[in-house]
Amino acid sequence: MSGITFSHQNPVQADNSAMHQALFYRGDREYLDGVMRFITPALQAGEPVMAAIPPDRGELLRRELGGYGAEVEILDMFELGRNPARIMPAVERMLAKHEGRTLHCVGEPIWPGRTAEEIQEAAKHEALINLAWPGAAIRLLCLYDTERLGPEVLADAERTHPVVIEGGTPRQTPSYSGSAVPVRSDQPLPPVPDEACELAFTIDELHDAREVVDKEASAAGLDRARVEDLKLAVSELATNAIRHGPGRGMLHVWRRPDRLVCQVDDGGTIKDPLAGRRLPIPRAAGGLGLWAVNQLCDLVEIRSSQCGTTIRIHSLVS
């Protein structure tokens, strides 16, 4: 295994300072050196390691690991993290699988080419990691390509990670703000376009809402399975708006060149910032609506305050 020398060392212990770090890297060599420094002690200690990274990075890491690649569970971040709200549940599955042992997780939730909406939701995900697993046996290293990501992305990374490693040297980040969501990721969403379809709904119009989505999604070119997924997602959001809000809401639907976008607005408030981002508790009553929406959609944007809630969901055209 290139870069790894096994020796008898104590298992790595998770602590607050080491739990959530960022690696700022330039080029393949810095990338591999940084990742290997992070996972080597874990492999030496026989601890579980997972890496959720883009496919090209996965191939690079497999080559570096050589015959020991099977000891690292490598996931395709393009598939897993297209909607960043799906990442935490994947980590929770690994935590449950290896209960009682420290999990060492490498992730690259923001890569060159992500849309502005995706980057903002991924930055929110990074902040909420600091809230998700207090005291859990877990260490996370999040990767940032400093040559191809903008300065605002790197600034948000410093706000969401207590420690940044750059040039092989860790440093504390004075701007670290814990689970506070970066400002850019919590601003109001851009206005609904004028051409969007609009439907005010109560419980009596749920069927109409599904029909609007069916018509627009089919016209946008989504295949039948994707149309049904989107109808179910909108139905879940509308039902939540009726059940937990004032009993009514507003649906907007519009097309973009590569996707269909639906938005549901209501007067309720989502108080749990991790809603829909955790593995559902078996046999729990309720609470599955946002979870289901995150599984069905390519991107979910949530803005909620005492003034009401806006949820915008995206379904890409294959």
C-alpha atoms as a PDB file:
ATOM      1  CA  MET A   1       0.000   0.000   0.000  1.00  0.00           C
ATOM      2  CA  SER A   2       1.732   3.136  -1.187  1.00  0.00           C
ATOM      3  CA  GLY A   3       2.471   5.598   1.579  1.00  0.00           C
ATOM      4  CA  ILE A   4       1.470   3.318   4.488  1.00  0.00           C
ATOM      5  CA  THR A   5       3.744   1.651   6.992  1.00  0.00           C
ATOM      6  CA  PHE A   6       2.002  -0.505   9.571  1.00  0.00           C
ATOM      7  CA  SER A   7       3.187  -0.331  13.154  1.00  0.00           C
ATOM      8  CA  HIS A   8       1.748  -0.951  16.605  1.00  0.00           C
ATOM      9  CA  GLN A   9       0.013   2.254  17.621  1.00  0.00           C
ATOM     10  CA  ASN A  10      -2.912   3.101  19.833  1.00  0.00           C
ATOM     11  CA  PRO A  11      -6.270   3.422  18.041  1.00  0.00           C
ATOM     12  CA  VAL A  12      -7.138   6.927  16.967  1.00  0.00           C
ATOM     13  CA  GLN A  13      -9.525   8.538  19.432  1.00  0.00           C
ATOM     14  CA  ALA A  14     -12.196  10.935  18.240  1.00  0.00           C
ATOM     15  CA  ASP A  15     -12.208  14.285  20.047  1.00  0.00           C
ATOM     16  CA  ASN A  16     -13.762  17.689  19.424  1.00  0.00           C
ATOM     17  CA  SER A  17     -10.714  19.183  17.705  1.00  0.00           C
ATOM     18  CA  ALA A  18     -10.218  16.236  15.365  1.00  0.00           C
ATOM     19  CA  MET A  19     -13.839  15.305  14.666  1.00  0.00           C
ATOM     20  CA  HIS A  20     -14.436  17.544  11.638  1.00  0.00           C
ATOM     21  CA  GLN A  21     -11.469  18.799   9.625  1.00  0.00           C
ATOM     22  CA  ALA A  22     -11.040  20.193   6.128  1.00  0.00           C
ATOM     23  CA  LEU A  23      -8.188  19.405   3.755  1.00  0.00           C
ATOM     24  CA  PHE A  24      -7.312  22.207   1.325  1.00  0.00           C
ATOM     25  CA  TYR A  25      -5.351  20.551  -1.478  1.00  0.00           C
ATOM     26  CA  ARG A  26      -3.657  21.545  -4.724  1.00  0.00           C
ATOM     27  CA  GLY A  27      -3.231  18.731  -7.230  1.00  0.00           C
ATOM     28  CA  ASP A  28      -3.319  14.956  -6.990  1.00  0.00           C
ATOM     29  CA  ARG A  29      -0.231  14.560  -4.838  1.00  0.00           C
ATOM     30  CA  GLU A  30      -1.431  16.868  -2.070  1.00  0.00           C
ATOM     31  CA  TYR A  31      -4.821  15.199  -2.277  1.00  0.00           C
ATOM     32  CA  LEU A  32      -3.405  11.702  -1.834  1.00  0.00           C
ATOM     33  CA  ASP A  33      -0.886  12.714   0.828  1.00  0.00           C
ATOM     34  CA  GLY A  34      -3.576  14.412   2.891  1.00  0.00           C
ATOM     35  CA  VAL A  35      -6.070  11.558   2.615  1.00  0.00           C
ATOM     36  CA  MET A  36      -3.437   8.918   3.381  1.00  0.00           C
ATOM     37  CA  ARG A  37      -2.222  10.802   6.451  1.00  0.00           C
ATOM     38  CA  PHE A  38      -5.802  10.804   7.698  1.00  0.00           C
ATOM     39  CA  ILE A  39      -6.682   7.154   7.043  1.00  0.00           C
ATOM     40  CA  THR A  40      -3.334   5.484   7.760  1.00  0.00           C
ATOM     41  CA  PRO A  41      -3.655   5.545  11.570  1.00  0.00           C
ATOM     42  CA  ALA A  42      -7.194   4.209  11.224  1.00  0.00           C
ATOM     43  CA  LEU A  43      -6.050   1.293   9.078  1.00  0.00           C
ATOM     44  CA  GLN A  44      -3.189   0.628  11.462  1.00  0.00           C
ATOM     45  CA  ALA A  45      -5.697   0.436  14.307  1.00  0.00           C
ATOM     46  CA  GLY A  46      -8.118  -1.781  12.385  1.00  0.00           C
ATOM     47  CA  GLU A  47     -10.789   0.907  12.439  1.00  0.00           C
ATOM     48  CA  PRO A  48     -13.450   1.272   9.703  1.00  0.00           C
ATOM     49  CA  VAL A  49     -12.799   3.795   6.928  1.00  0.00           C
ATOM     50  CA  MET A  50     -15.189   5.149   4.313  1.00  0.00           C
ATOM     51  CA  ALA A  51     -14.576   7.636   1.509  1.00  0.00           C
ATOM     52  CA  ALA A  52     -17.424   9.387  -0.312  1.00  0.00           C
ATOM     53  CA  ILE A  53     -15.630  11.050  -3.219  1.00  0.00           C
ATOM     54  CA  PRO A  54     -16.089  11.730  -6.952  1.00  0.00           C
ATOM     55  CA  PRO A  55     -15.398   8.700  -9.184  1.00  0.00           C
ATOM     56  CA  ASP A  56     -12.087   9.969 -10.569  1.00  0.00           C
ATOM     57  CA  ARG A  57     -10.834  10.555  -7.033  1.00  0.00           C
ATOM     58  CA  GLY A  58     -12.041   7.108  -6.067  1.00  0.00           C
ATOM     59  CA  GLU A  59      -9.911   5.526  -8.789  1.00  0.00           C
ATOM     60  CA  LEU A  60      -6.918   7.607  -7.727  1.00  0.00           C
ATOM     61  CA  LEU A  61      -7.298   6.492  -4.113  1.00  0.00           C
ATOM     62  CA  ARG A  62      -7.774   2.835  -5.047  1.00  0.00           C
ATOM     63  CA  ARG A  63      -4.490   2.884  -6.970  1.00  0.00           C
ATOM     64  CA  GLU A  64      -2.739   4.463  -4.003  1.00  0.00           C
ATOM     65  CA  LEU A  65      -4.164   1.861  -1.623  1.00  0.00           C
ATOM     66  CA  GLY A  66      -3.105  -1.022  -3.866  1.00  0.00           C
ATOM     67  CA  GLY A  67      -4.077  -4.412  -2.486  1.00  0.00           C
ATOM     68  CA  TYR A  68      -5.477  -2.821   0.657  1.00  0.00           C
ATOM     69  CA  GLY A  69      -8.246  -0.989  -1.199  1.00  0.00           C
ATOM     70  CA  ALA A  70     -10.830  -3.477   0.039  1.00  0.00           C
ATOM     71  CA  GLU A  71     -10.296  -2.164   3.569  1.00  0.00           C
ATOM     72  CA  VAL A  72     -11.753   1.225   2.602  1.00  0.00           C
ATOM     73  CA  GLU A  73     -15.407   1.492   1.613  1.00  0.00           C
ATOM     74  CA  ILE A  74     -15.382   3.934  -1.311  1.00  0.00           C
ATOM     75  CA  LEU A  75     -18.704   5.499  -2.349  1.00  0.00           C
ATOM     76  CA  ASP A  76     -19.482   7.540  -5.471  1.00  0.00           C
ATOM     77  CA  MET A  77     -20.150  11.076  -4.217  1.00  0.00           C
ATOM     78  CA  PHE A  78     -21.673  12.063  -7.570  1.00  0.00           C
ATOM     79  CA  GLU A  79     -24.459   9.581  -6.883  1.00  0.00           C
ATOM     80  CA  LEU A  80     -24.650   9.826  -3.086  1.00  0.00           C
ATOM     81  CA  GLY A  81     -24.193  13.562  -2.684  1.00  0.00           C
ATOM     82  CA  ARG A  82     -25.977  15.072  -5.670  1.00  0.00           C
ATOM     83  CA  ASN A  83     -28.536  15.972  -3.031  1.00  0.00           C
ATOM     84  CA  PRO A  84     -26.280  16.770  -0.043  1.00  0.00           C
ATOM     85  CA  ALA A  85     -29.070  15.884   2.396  1.00  0.00           C
ATOM     86  CA  ARG A  86     -28.477  12.205   1.555  1.00  0.00           C
ATOM     87  CA  ILE A  87     -24.910  12.168   2.890  1.00  0.00           C
ATOM     88  CA  MET A  88     -25.628  12.108   6.626  1.00  0.00           C
ATOM     89  CA  PRO A  89     -27.829   8.997   6.433  1.00  0.00           C
ATOM     90  CA  ALA A  90     -25.056   7.134   4.600  1.00  0.00           C
ATOM     91  CA  VAL A  91     -22.648   8.022   7.398  1.00  0.00           C
ATOM     92  CA  GLU A  92     -25.221   6.970  10.008  1.00  0.00           C
ATOM     93  CA  ARG A  93     -25.563   3.580   8.323  1.00  0.00           C
ATOM     94  CA  MET A  94     -21.811   3.131   8.647  1.00  0.00           C
ATOM     95  CA  LEU A  95     -21.875   4.234  12.278  1.00  0.00           C
ATOM     96  CA  ALA A  96     -24.571   1.649  13.001  1.00  0.00           C
ATOM     97  CA  LYS A  97     -22.701  -1.037  11.060  1.00  0.00           C
ATOM     98  CA  HIS A  98     -19.528  -0.443  13.070  1.00  0.00           C
ATOM     99  CA  GLU A  99     -21.111   0.441  16.408  1.00  0.00           C
ATOM    100  CA  GLY A 100     -18.550   0.636  19.179  1.00  0.00           C
ATOM    101  CA  ARG A 101     -15.659   1.444  16.849  1.00  0.00           C
ATOM    102  CA  THR A 102     -14.407   4.799  15.587  1.00  0.00           C
ATOM    103  CA  LEU A 103     -15.490   5.549  12.025  1.00  0.00           C
ATOM    104  CA  HIS A 104     -13.052   7.527   9.859  1.00  0.00           C
ATOM    105  CA  CYS A 105     -14.843   9.249   7.005  1.00  0.00           C
ATOM    106  CA  VAL A 106     -13.393  11.125   4.022  1.00  0.00           C
ATOM    107  CA  GLY A 107     -15.801  13.190   1.946  1.00  0.00           C
ATOM    108  CA  GLU A 108     -15.772  15.686  -0.924  1.00  0.00           C
ATOM    109  CA  PRO A 109     -19.251  17.239  -0.924  1.00  0.00           C
ATOM    110  CA  ILE A 110     -18.276  20.242  -3.088  1.00  0.00           C
ATOM    111  CA  TRP A 111     -16.481  19.613  -6.360  1.00  0.00           C
ATOM    112  CA  PRO A 112     -15.813  21.803  -9.413  1.00  0.00           C
ATOM    113  CA  GLY A 113     -18.870  21.966 -11.639  1.00  0.00           C
ATOM    114  CA  ARG A 114     -21.516  21.913  -8.900  1.00  0.00           C
ATOM    115  CA  THR A 115     -24.283  24.484  -9.381  1.00  0.00           C
ATOM    116  CA  ALA A 116     -24.617  27.452  -7.054  1.00  0.00           C
ATOM    117  CA  GLU A 117     -27.692  25.860  -5.447  1.00  0.00           C
ATOM    118  CA  GLU A 118     -25.848  22.596  -4.844  1.00  0.00           C
ATOM    119  CA  ILE A 119     -22.845  24.379  -3.340  1.00  0.00           C
ATOM    120  CA  GLN A 120     -25.039  26.324  -0.935  1.00  0.00           C
ATOM    121  CA  GLU A 121     -26.816  23.162   0.222  1.00  0.00           C
ATOM    122  CA  ALA A 122     -23.510  21.314   0.573  1.00  0.00           C
ATOM    123  CA  ALA A 123     -22.136  24.153   2.721  1.00  0.00           C
ATOM    124  CA  LYS A 124     -25.255  23.894   4.878  1.00  0.00           C
ATOM    125  CA  HIS A 125     -24.592  20.148   5.176  1.00  0.00           C
ATOM    126  CA  GLU A 126     -21.058  20.880   6.359  1.00  0.00           C
ATOM    127  CA  ALA A 127     -22.373  23.199   9.092  1.00  0.00           C
ATOM    128  CA  LEU A 128     -24.996  20.720  10.271  1.00  0.00           C
ATOM    129  CA  ILE A 129     -22.401  17.966  10.625  1.00  0.00           C
ATOM    130  CA  ASN A 130     -21.213  19.920  13.666  1.00  0.00           C
ATOM    131  CA  LEU A 131     -24.657  19.395  15.187  1.00  0.00           C
ATOM    132  CA  ALA A 132     -25.375  15.854  14.080  1.00  0.00           C
ATOM    133  CA  TRP A 133     -23.247  13.509  16.191  1.00  0.00           C
ATOM    134  CA  PRO A 134     -22.129  15.026  19.498  1.00  0.00           C
ATOM    135  CA  GLY A 135     -19.874  12.599  21.318  1.00  0.00           C
ATOM    136  CA  ALA A 136     -20.045   9.983  18.557  1.00  0.00           C
ATOM    137  CA  ALA A 137     -17.006   7.869  17.681  1.00  0.00           C
ATOM    138  CA  ILE A 138     -16.355   9.507  14.323  1.00  0.00           C
ATOM    139  CA  ARG A 139     -13.697  11.554  12.536  1.00  0.00           C
ATOM    140  CA  LEU A 140     -14.376  13.363   9.279  1.00  0.00           C
ATOM    141  CA  LEU A 141     -12.030  14.885   6.703  1.00  0.00           C
ATOM    142  CA  CYS A 142     -13.680  17.053   4.038  1.00  0.00           C
ATOM    143  CA  LEU A 143     -11.741  17.771   0.851  1.00  0.00           C
ATOM    144  CA  TYR A 144     -11.534  21.095  -1.003  1.00  0.00           C
ATOM    145  CA  ASP A 145      -9.721  21.671  -4.298  1.00  0.00           C
ATOM    146  CA  THR A 146      -8.199  25.124  -3.811  1.00  0.00           C
ATOM    147  CA  GLU A 147      -7.164  25.403  -7.469  1.00  0.00           C
ATOM    148  CA  ARG A 148     -10.678  24.975  -8.854  1.00  0.00           C
ATOM    149  CA  LEU A 149     -13.080  26.187  -6.165  1.00  0.00           C
ATOM    150  CA  GLY A 150     -13.898  29.836  -5.606  1.00  0.00           C
ATOM    151  CA  PRO A 151     -12.712  31.857  -2.592  1.00  0.00           C
ATOM    152  CA  GLU A 152     -16.246  32.114  -1.209  1.00  0.00           C
ATOM    153  CA  VAL A 153     -16.465  28.295  -1.091  1.00  0.00           C
ATOM    154  CA  LEU A 154     -13.173  28.074   0.800  1.00  0.00           C
ATOM    155  CA  ALA A 155     -14.275  30.831   3.176  1.00  0.00           C
ATOM    156  CA  ASP A 156     -17.427  28.875   3.997  1.00  0.00           C
ATOM    157  CA  ALA A 157     -15.287  25.769   4.533  1.00  0.00           C
ATOM    158  CA  GLU A 158     -13.324  27.665   7.181  1.00  0.00           C
ATOM    159  CA  ARG A 159     -16.570  28.700   8.863  1.00  0.00           C
ATOM    160  CA  THR A 160     -17.789  25.106   9.055  1.00  0.00           C
ATOM    161  CA  HIS A 161     -14.548  23.343  10.073  1.00  0.00           C
ATOM    162  CA  PRO A 162     -12.640  24.032  13.313  1.00  0.00           C
ATOM    163  CA  VAL A 163      -9.385  22.871  11.706  1.00  0.00           C
ATOM    164  CA  VAL A 164      -8.102  23.252   8.140  1.00  0.00           C
ATOM    165  CA  ILE A 165      -5.089  21.292   6.878  1.00  0.00           C
ATOM    166  CA  GLU A 166      -3.137  23.051   4.149  1.00  0.00           C
ATOM    167  CA  GLY A 167       0.282  22.098   2.835  1.00  0.00           C
ATOM    168  CA  GLY A 168       0.339  19.258   5.356  1.00  0.00           C
ATOM    169  CA  THR A 169      -0.055  21.629   8.306  1.00  0.00           C
ATOM    170  CA  PRO A 170      -3.226  21.860  10.435  1.00  0.00           C
ATOM    171  CA  ARG A 171      -4.380  25.251  11.646  1.00  0.00           C
ATOM    172  CA  GLN A 172      -7.267  26.493  13.734  1.00  0.00           C
ATOM    173  CA  THR A 173      -9.841  28.552  11.834  1.00  0.00           C
ATOM    174  CA  PRO A 174     -10.785  31.780  13.644  1.00  0.00           C
ATOM    175  CA  SER A 175     -13.981  32.119  11.590  1.00  0.00           C
ATOM    176  CA  TYR A 176     -15.294  28.697  12.647  1.00  0.00           C
ATOM    177  CA  SER A 177     -18.931  29.115  13.722  1.00  0.00           C
ATOM    178  CA  GLY A 178     -20.007  25.590  14.648  1.00  0.00           C
ATOM    179  CA  SER A 179     -23.434  24.554  13.358  1.00  0.00           C
ATOM    180  CA  ALA A 180     -24.363  28.085  12.238  1.00  0.00           C
ATOM    181  CA  VAL A 181     -25.297  27.835   8.575  1.00  0.00           C
ATOM    182  CA  PRO A 182     -23.172  30.089   6.316  1.00  0.00           C
ATOM    183  CA  VAL A 183     -25.021  33.246   5.322  1.00  0.00           C
ATOM    184  CA  ARG A 184     -24.995  32.413   1.608  1.00  0.00           C
ATOM    185  CA  SER A 185     -26.726  29.096   2.349  1.00  0.00           C
ATOM    186  CA  ASP A 186     -29.499  30.668   4.412  1.00  0.00           C
ATOM    187  CA  GLN A 187     -30.495  33.619   2.247  1.00  0.00           C
ATOM    188  CA  PRO A 188     -33.994  33.696   0.691  1.00  0.00           C
ATOM    189  CA  LEU A 189     -34.233  31.685  -2.504  1.00  0.00           C
ATOM    190  CA  PRO A 190     -34.312  33.517  -5.841  1.00  0.00           C
ATOM    191  CA  PRO A 191     -37.826  34.599  -6.869  1.00  0.00           C
ATOM    192  CA  VAL A 192     -40.145  32.183  -8.630  1.00  0.00           C
ATOM    193  CA  PRO A 193     -40.072  32.961 -12.372  1.00  0.00           C
ATOM    194  CA  ASP A 194     -43.090  34.708 -13.866  1.00  0.00           C
ATOM    195  CA  GLU A 195     -43.852  31.777 -16.175  1.00  0.00           C
ATOM    196  CA  ALA A 196     -44.234  29.275 -13.315  1.00  0.00           C
ATOM    197  CA  CYS A 197     -47.531  27.430 -12.886  1.00  0.00           C
ATOM    198  CA  GLU A 198     -49.240  28.415  -9.643  1.00  0.00           C
ATOM    199  CA  LEU A 199     -51.776  26.591  -7.492  1.00  0.00           C
ATOM    200  CA  ALA A 200     -53.091  27.547  -4.063  1.00  0.00           C
ATOM    201  CA  PHE A 201     -54.089  24.378  -2.223  1.00  0.00           C
ATOM    202  CA  THR A 202     -55.874  23.004   0.785  1.00  0.00           C
ATOM    203  CA  ILE A 203     -56.618  19.349   1.452  1.00  0.00           C
ATOM    204  CA  ASP A 204     -59.289  19.507  -1.276  1.00  0.00           C
ATOM    205  CA  GLU A 205     -56.729  20.417  -3.969  1.00  0.00           C
ATOM    206  CA  LEU A 206     -54.093  17.728  -3.321  1.00  0.00           C
ATOM    207  CA  HIS A 207     -55.230  15.807  -6.396  1.00  0.00           C
ATOM    208  CA  ASP A 208     -54.995  18.984  -8.489  1.00  0.00           C
ATOM    209  CA  ALA A 209     -51.450  19.568  -7.230  1.00  0.00           C
ATOM    210  CA  ARG A 210     -50.380  16.089  -8.305  1.00  0.00           C
ATOM    211  CA  GLU A 211     -51.981  16.605 -11.712  1.00  0.00           C
ATOM    212  CA  VAL A 212     -50.127  19.896 -12.260  1.00  0.00           C
ATOM    213  CA  VAL A 213     -46.823  18.179 -11.465  1.00  0.00           C
ATOM    214  CA  ASP A 214     -47.662  15.220 -13.708  1.00  0.00           C
ATOM    215  CA  LYS A 215     -48.426  17.476 -16.660  1.00  0.00           C
ATOM    216  CA  GLU A 216     -45.368  19.712 -16.265  1.00  0.00           C
ATOM    217  CA  ALA A 217     -42.927  16.913 -15.495  1.00  0.00           C
ATOM    218  CA  SER A 218     -44.061  14.885 -18.495  1.00  0.00           C
ATOM    219  CA  ALA A 219     -43.768  17.934 -20.757  1.00  0.00           C
ATOM    220  CA  ALA A 220     -40.252  18.602 -19.381  1.00  0.00           C
ATOM    221  CA  GLY A 221     -39.096  15.169 -20.533  1.00  0.00           C
ATOM    222  CA  LEU A 222     -38.857  13.254 -17.251  1.00  0.00           C
ATOM    223  CA  ASP A 223     -39.398   9.532 -17.659  1.00  0.00           C
ATOM    224  CA  ARG A 224     -42.446   7.972 -16.057  1.00  0.00           C
ATOM    225  CA  ALA A 225     -40.645   6.742 -12.952  1.00  0.00           C
ATOM    226  CA  ARG A 226     -39.191  10.201 -12.310  1.00  0.00           C
ATOM    227  CA  VAL A 227     -42.612  11.790 -12.848  1.00  0.00           C
ATOM    228  CA  GLU A 228     -44.108   9.517 -10.192  1.00  0.00           C
ATOM    229  CA  ASP A 229     -41.241  10.250  -7.800  1.00  0.00           C
ATOM    230  CA  LEU A 230     -41.774  13.979  -8.167  1.00  0.00           C
ATOM    231  CA  LYS A 231     -45.544  13.679  -7.728  1.00  0.00           C
ATOM    232  CA  LEU A 232     -44.978  11.742  -4.509  1.00  0.00           C
ATOM    233  CA  ALA A 233     -42.460  14.317  -3.262  1.00  0.00           C
ATOM    234  CA  VAL A 234     -44.840  17.221  -3.908  1.00  0.00           C
ATOM    235  CA  SER A 235     -47.674  15.280  -2.288  1.00  0.00           C
ATOM    236  CA  GLU A 236     -45.541  14.771   0.832  1.00  0.00           C
ATOM    237  CA  LEU A 237     -44.679  18.469   1.001  1.00  0.00           C
ATOM    238  CA  ALA A 238     -48.254  19.585   0.454  1.00  0.00           C
ATOM    239  CA  THR A 239     -49.530  17.143   3.071  1.00  0.00           C
ATOM    240  CA  ASN A 240     -46.937  18.427   5.549  1.00  0.00           C
ATOM    241  CA  ALA A 241     -48.016  22.008   4.801  1.00  0.00           C
ATOM    242  CA  ILE A 242     -51.629  21.111   5.555  1.00  0.00           C
ATOM    243  CA  ARG A 243     -50.902  18.975   8.603  1.00  0.00           C
ATOM    244  CA  HIS A 244     -48.226  21.095  10.304  1.00  0.00           C
ATOM    245  CA  GLY A 245     -48.951  24.528   8.888  1.00  0.00           C
ATOM    246  CA  PRO A 246     -52.131  26.604   8.637  1.00  0.00           C
ATOM    247  CA  GLY A 247     -53.921  24.000   6.510  1.00  0.00           C
ATOM    248  CA  ARG A 248     -53.097  25.554   3.156  1.00  0.00           C
ATOM    249  CA  GLY A 249     -50.145  26.345   0.936  1.00  0.00           C
ATOM    250  CA  MET A 250     -48.953  27.463  -2.477  1.00  0.00           C
ATOM    251  CA  LEU A 251     -47.410  25.310  -5.195  1.00  0.00           C
ATOM    252  CA  HIS A 252     -45.259  26.659  -8.038  1.00  0.00           C
ATOM    253  CA  VAL A 253     -43.861  24.516 -10.854  1.00  0.00           C
ATOM    254  CA  TRP A 254     -41.511  25.597 -13.625  1.00  0.00           C
ATOM    255  CA  ARG A 255     -39.062  24.186 -16.122  1.00  0.00           C
ATOM    256  CA  ARG A 256     -35.384  24.830 -16.583  1.00  0.00           C
ATOM    257  CA  PRO A 257     -33.337  23.422 -19.483  1.00  0.00           C
ATOM    258  CA  ASP A 258     -32.066  20.442 -17.478  1.00  0.00           C
ATOM    259  CA  ARG A 259     -34.696  20.009 -14.760  1.00  0.00           C
ATOM    260  CA  LEU A 260     -38.163  20.575 -13.371  1.00  0.00           C
ATOM    261  CA  VAL A 261     -38.431  22.671 -10.224  1.00  0.00           C
ATOM    262  CA  CYS A 262     -41.325  22.605  -7.755  1.00  0.00           C
ATOM    263  CA  GLN A 263     -41.780  24.880  -4.760  1.00  0.00           C
ATOM    264  CA  VAL A 264     -44.186  24.577  -1.849  1.00  0.00           C
ATOM    265  CA  ASP A 265     -44.747  27.532   0.493  1.00  0.00           C
ATOM    266  CA  ASP A 266     -46.700  27.475   3.729  1.00  0.00           C
ATOM    267  CA  GLY A 267     -47.013  29.361   6.992  1.00  0.00           C
ATOM    268  CA  GLY A 268     -45.468  26.698   9.218  1.00  0.00           C
ATOM    269  CA  THR A 269     -41.979  26.520  10.706  1.00  0.00           C
ATOM    270  CA  ILE A 270     -39.466  23.662  10.641  1.00  0.00           C
ATOM    271  CA  LYS A 271     -37.757  23.814  14.017  1.00  0.00           C
ATOM    272  CA  ASP A 272     -35.331  20.914  13.604  1.00  0.00           C
ATOM    273  CA  PRO A 273     -32.454  21.891  11.269  1.00  0.00           C
ATOM    274  CA  LEU A 274     -31.694  18.183  10.761  1.00  0.00           C
ATOM    275  CA  ALA A 275     -35.238  17.314   9.673  1.00  0.00           C
ATOM    276  CA  GLY A 276     -35.134  14.883   6.762  1.00  0.00           C
ATOM    277  CA  ARG A 277     -31.358  14.398   7.085  1.00  0.00           C
ATOM    278  CA  ARG A 278     -31.345  11.572   9.659  1.00  0.00           C
ATOM    279  CA  LEU A 279     -32.084   7.893   9.236  1.00  0.00           C
ATOM    280  CA  PRO A 280     -35.749   7.339  10.150  1.00  0.00           C
ATOM    281  CA  ILE A 281     -36.354   5.591  13.446  1.00  0.00           C
ATOM    282  CA  PRO A 282     -38.079   2.247  12.801  1.00  0.00           C
ATOM    283  CA  ARG A 283     -41.783   2.315  13.640  1.00  0.00           C
ATOM    284  CA  ALA A 284     -41.635   6.025  14.448  1.00  0.00           C
ATOM    285  CA  ALA A 285     -44.929   7.848  14.001  1.00  0.00           C
ATOM    286  CA  GLY A 286     -44.605  10.549  11.352  1.00  0.00           C
ATOM    287  CA  GLY A 287     -41.497  12.487  10.403  1.00  0.00           C
ATOM    288  CA  LEU A 288     -40.909  10.646   7.130  1.00  0.00           C
ATOM    289  CA  GLY A 289     -42.140  13.338   4.728  1.00  0.00           C
ATOM    290  CA  LEU A 290     -38.910  15.312   4.327  1.00  0.00           C
ATOM    291  CA  TRP A 291     -36.882  12.109   4.488  1.00  0.00           C
ATOM    292  CA  ALA A 292     -38.848  10.717   1.539  1.00  0.00           C
ATOM    293  CA  VAL A 293     -38.526  13.974  -0.398  1.00  0.00           C
ATOM    294  CA  ASN A 294     -34.743  13.920  -0.006  1.00  0.00           C
ATOM    295  CA  GLN A 295     -34.602  10.367  -1.345  1.00  0.00           C
ATOM    296  CA  LEU A 296     -36.815  11.183  -4.335  1.00  0.00           C
ATOM    297  CA  CYS A 297     -35.278  14.481  -5.513  1.00  0.00           C
ATOM    298  CA  ASP A 298     -31.913  15.547  -6.902  1.00  0.00           C
ATOM    299  CA  LEU A 299     -31.771  18.683  -4.770  1.00  0.00           C
ATOM    300  CA  VAL A 300     -33.878  20.001  -1.897  1.00  0.00           C
ATOM    301  CA  GLU A 301     -33.596  23.617  -0.712  1.00  0.00           C
ATOM    302  CA  ILE A 302     -35.296  24.553   2.563  1.00  0.00           C
ATOM    303  CA  ARG A 303     -35.743  28.020   4.030  1.00  0.00           C
ATOM    304  CA  SER A 304     -37.787  28.203   7.215  1.00  0.00           C
ATOM    305  CA  SER A 305     -38.428  30.917   9.791  1.00  0.00           C
ATOM    306  CA  GLN A 306     -41.241  32.194  11.978  1.00  0.00           C
ATOM    307  CA  CYS A 307     -42.630  33.817   8.829  1.00  0.00           C
ATOM    308  CA  GLY A 308     -43.150  30.465   7.096  1.00  0.00           C
ATOM    309  CA  THR A 309     -41.401  27.737   5.122  1.00  0.00           C
ATOM    310  CA  THR A 310     -40.305  27.476   1.508  1.00  0.00           C
ATOM    311  CA  ILE A 311     -39.147  24.130   0.112  1.00  0.00           C
ATOM    312  CA  ARG A 312     -37.831  24.007  -3.462  1.00  0.00           C
ATOM    313  CA  ILE A 313     -37.156  20.616  -5.037  1.00  0.00           C
ATOM    314  CA  HIS A 314     -35.311  19.804  -8.263  1.00  0.00           C
ATOM    315  CA  SER A 315     -35.643  16.777 -10.525  1.00  0.00           C
ATOM    316  CA  LEU A 316     -33.072  16.486 -13.292  1.00  0.00           C
ATOM    317  CA  VAL A 317     -33.999  15.373 -16.786  1.00  0.00           C
ATOM    318  CA  SER A 318     -31.946  12.252 -17.568  1.00  0.00           C
END
